[in-house]
């Protein structure tokens, strides 16, 4: 059974990485992780391996950097795309500091007095 990324129309895609929510891997259910794996397998199956770079006998004479970079970028894109579709997203919460609530409460009380 393969999973088609277009089969998840309710998922939101945000192109700006600075405003984008991060994947919440710890909150992903087993079902979502299985869907991620299926989506990733599907996306990776579409990527062409730069065979000429893999079988090249003389890398000093040939320049395969562009083909290899495109291959790397395609793998990266498949990972990101599959994660965006299948893994729940959210923003990072600020870490809580021990005792911080007590300090804020004291300051609030003093300010309101």
C-alpha atoms as a PDB file:
ATOM      1  CA  UNK A   1       0.000   0.000   0.000  1.00  0.00           C
ATOM      2  CA  UNK A   2       1.472   3.360  -0.974  1.00  0.00           C
ATOM      3  CA  UNK A   3       0.460   6.746   0.340  1.00  0.00           C
ATOM      4  CA  UNK A   4      -0.098   9.626  -2.028  1.00  0.00           C
ATOM      5  CA  UNK A   5       0.851  13.001  -0.599  1.00  0.00           C
ATOM      6  CA  UNK A   6      -2.058  14.654  -2.386  1.00  0.00           C
ATOM      7  CA  UNK A   7      -4.354  12.402  -0.325  1.00  0.00           C
ATOM      8  CA  UNK A   8      -3.891  14.720   2.677  1.00  0.00           C
ATOM      9  CA  UNK A   9      -5.630  17.934   1.543  1.00  0.00           C
ATOM     10  CA  UNK A  10      -6.081  19.309   5.065  1.00  0.00           C
ATOM     11  CA  UNK A  11      -2.357  19.651   5.651  1.00  0.00           C
ATOM     12  CA  UNK A  12      -1.023  23.201   5.440  1.00  0.00           C
ATOM     13  CA  UNK A  13       2.203  24.025   3.637  1.00  0.00           C
ATOM     14  CA  UNK A  14       4.137  27.113   4.619  1.00  0.00           C
ATOM     15  CA  UNK A  15       7.021  28.140   2.427  1.00  0.00           C
ATOM     16  CA  UNK A  16       8.675  30.655   4.750  1.00  0.00           C
ATOM     17  CA  UNK A  17      10.947  28.675   7.077  1.00  0.00           C
ATOM     18  CA  UNK A  18      11.043  31.488   9.635  1.00  0.00           C
ATOM     19  CA  UNK A  19       7.278  31.390  10.241  1.00  0.00           C
ATOM     20  CA  UNK A  20       6.926  27.666   9.757  1.00  0.00           C
ATOM     21  CA  UNK A  21       5.959  25.421  12.635  1.00  0.00           C
ATOM     22  CA  UNK A  22       8.403  22.679  13.469  1.00  0.00           C
ATOM     23  CA  UNK A  23       7.539  18.978  13.259  1.00  0.00           C
ATOM     24  CA  UNK A  24       6.513  17.568  16.630  1.00  0.00           C
ATOM     25  CA  UNK A  25       8.034  14.103  16.300  1.00  0.00           C
ATOM     26  CA  UNK A  26       7.264  13.162  19.901  1.00  0.00           C
ATOM     27  CA  UNK A  27       3.561  13.758  19.276  1.00  0.00           C
ATOM     28  CA  UNK A  28       3.407  11.667  16.102  1.00  0.00           C
ATOM     29  CA  UNK A  29       1.225   8.593  16.491  1.00  0.00           C
ATOM     30  CA  UNK A  30       2.246   5.196  15.168  1.00  0.00           C
ATOM     31  CA  UNK A  31      -0.237   5.716  12.315  1.00  0.00           C
ATOM     32  CA  UNK A  32       1.332   9.048  11.360  1.00  0.00           C
ATOM     33  CA  UNK A  33       4.836   7.564  11.510  1.00  0.00           C
ATOM     34  CA  UNK A  34       3.724   4.738   9.212  1.00  0.00           C
ATOM     35  CA  UNK A  35       2.204   7.301   6.825  1.00  0.00           C
ATOM     36  CA  UNK A  36       5.480   9.254   6.952  1.00  0.00           C
ATOM     37  CA  UNK A  37       7.428   6.146   6.041  1.00  0.00           C
ATOM     38  CA  UNK A  38       5.060   5.363   3.156  1.00  0.00           C
ATOM     39  CA  UNK A  39       5.187   8.953   1.859  1.00  0.00           C
ATOM     40  CA  UNK A  40       8.951   9.016   2.136  1.00  0.00           C
ATOM     41  CA  UNK A  41       9.323   5.724   0.280  1.00  0.00           C
ATOM     42  CA  UNK A  42       7.061   7.061  -2.458  1.00  0.00           C
ATOM     43  CA  UNK A  43       8.977  10.337  -2.751  1.00  0.00           C
ATOM     44  CA  UNK A  44      12.377   8.616  -2.682  1.00  0.00           C
ATOM     45  CA  UNK A  45      11.281   6.216  -5.424  1.00  0.00           C
ATOM     46  CA  UNK A  46      10.845   9.229  -7.738  1.00  0.00           C
ATOM     47  CA  UNK A  47      14.481  10.329  -7.354  1.00  0.00           C
ATOM     48  CA  UNK A  48      16.936   9.420 -10.076  1.00  0.00           C
ATOM     49  CA  UNK A  49      20.336   8.253  -8.874  1.00  0.00           C
ATOM     50  CA  UNK A  50      23.164  10.013 -10.736  1.00  0.00           C
ATOM     51  CA  UNK A  51      24.478   6.750 -12.212  1.00  0.00           C
ATOM     52  CA  UNK A  52      27.244   8.434 -14.169  1.00  0.00           C
ATOM     53  CA  UNK A  53      28.688   9.784 -10.920  1.00  0.00           C
ATOM     54  CA  UNK A  54      28.331   6.432  -9.163  1.00  0.00           C
ATOM     55  CA  UNK A  55      30.125   4.458 -11.883  1.00  0.00           C
ATOM     56  CA  UNK A  56      32.711   7.091 -12.801  1.00  0.00           C
ATOM     57  CA  UNK A  57      36.231   5.633 -12.809  1.00  0.00           C
ATOM     58  CA  UNK A  58      38.064   8.943 -12.883  1.00  0.00           C
ATOM     59  CA  UNK A  59      36.439  11.623 -10.706  1.00  0.00           C
ATOM     60  CA  UNK A  60      39.401  13.938 -11.390  1.00  0.00           C
ATOM     61  CA  UNK A  61      38.492  14.070 -15.084  1.00  0.00           C
ATOM     62  CA  UNK A  62      34.737  14.370 -14.628  1.00  0.00           C
ATOM     63  CA  UNK A  63      32.679  16.929 -12.758  1.00  0.00           C
ATOM     64  CA  UNK A  64      29.632  15.343 -11.177  1.00  0.00           C
ATOM     65  CA  UNK A  65      29.155  17.912  -8.414  1.00  0.00           C
ATOM     66  CA  UNK A  66      25.947  19.340  -9.871  1.00  0.00           C
ATOM     67  CA  UNK A  67      24.357  15.903 -10.320  1.00  0.00           C
ATOM     68  CA  UNK A  68      25.370  14.847  -6.825  1.00  0.00           C
ATOM     69  CA  UNK A  69      24.079  18.114  -5.319  1.00  0.00           C
ATOM     70  CA  UNK A  70      20.749  17.701  -7.131  1.00  0.00           C
ATOM     71  CA  UNK A  71      20.553  14.152  -5.752  1.00  0.00           C
ATOM     72  CA  UNK A  72      21.220  15.384  -2.203  1.00  0.00           C
ATOM     73  CA  UNK A  73      18.689  18.201  -2.602  1.00  0.00           C
ATOM     74  CA  UNK A  74      16.082  15.731  -3.870  1.00  0.00           C
ATOM     75  CA  UNK A  75      16.564  13.466  -0.856  1.00  0.00           C
ATOM     76  CA  UNK A  76      16.363  16.448   1.485  1.00  0.00           C
ATOM     77  CA  UNK A  77      13.210  17.654  -0.262  1.00  0.00           C
ATOM     78  CA  UNK A  78      11.604  14.212   0.061  1.00  0.00           C
ATOM     79  CA  UNK A  79      12.332  14.159   3.797  1.00  0.00           C
ATOM     80  CA  UNK A  80      10.909  17.653   4.326  1.00  0.00           C
ATOM     81  CA  UNK A  81       7.846  17.124   2.128  1.00  0.00           C
ATOM     82  CA  UNK A  82       6.946  13.812   3.773  1.00  0.00           C
ATOM     83  CA  UNK A  83       7.393  15.290   7.226  1.00  0.00           C
ATOM     84  CA  UNK A  84       5.204  18.286   6.443  1.00  0.00           C
ATOM     85  CA  UNK A  85       2.408  16.066   5.237  1.00  0.00           C
ATOM     86  CA  UNK A  86       2.473  13.350   7.888  1.00  0.00           C
ATOM     87  CA  UNK A  87       3.970  14.671  11.122  1.00  0.00           C
ATOM     88  CA  UNK A  88       2.008  17.052  13.382  1.00  0.00           C
ATOM     89  CA  UNK A  89       3.415  20.545  13.509  1.00  0.00           C
ATOM     90  CA  UNK A  90       3.595  23.242  16.137  1.00  0.00           C
ATOM     91  CA  UNK A  91       5.788  25.978  17.448  1.00  0.00           C
ATOM     92  CA  UNK A  92       8.490  25.436  19.988  1.00  0.00           C
ATOM     93  CA  UNK A  93       7.523  26.425  23.483  1.00  0.00           C
ATOM     94  CA  UNK A  94       9.861  28.493  25.562  1.00  0.00           C
ATOM     95  CA  UNK A  95      11.550  26.382  28.156  1.00  0.00           C
ATOM     96  CA  UNK A  96      10.330  26.929  31.685  1.00  0.00           C
ATOM     97  CA  UNK A  97      12.809  28.029  34.296  1.00  0.00           C
ATOM     98  CA  UNK A  98      12.555  26.663  37.793  1.00  0.00           C
ATOM     99  CA  UNK A  99      11.219  29.303  40.168  1.00  0.00           C
ATOM    100  CA  UNK A 100      10.345  31.738  37.392  1.00  0.00           C
ATOM    101  CA  UNK A 101       6.589  31.628  38.114  1.00  0.00           C
ATOM    102  CA  UNK A 102       7.197  32.620  41.735  1.00  0.00           C
ATOM    103  CA  UNK A 103       9.330  35.599  40.697  1.00  0.00           C
ATOM    104  CA  UNK A 104       6.713  36.784  38.191  1.00  0.00           C
ATOM    105  CA  UNK A 105       3.940  36.364  40.762  1.00  0.00           C
ATOM    106  CA  UNK A 106       5.861  38.493  43.277  1.00  0.00           C
ATOM    107  CA  UNK A 107       6.448  41.237  40.699  1.00  0.00           C
ATOM    108  CA  UNK A 108       2.788  41.178  39.622  1.00  0.00           C
ATOM    109  CA  UNK A 109       1.633  41.473  43.216  1.00  0.00           C
ATOM    110  CA  UNK A 110       3.981  44.405  43.834  1.00  0.00           C
ATOM    111  CA  UNK A 111       2.916  46.135  40.615  1.00  0.00           C
ATOM    112  CA  UNK A 112      -0.782  45.769  41.406  1.00  0.00           C
ATOM    113  CA  UNK A 113      -0.393  47.104  44.958  1.00  0.00           C
END
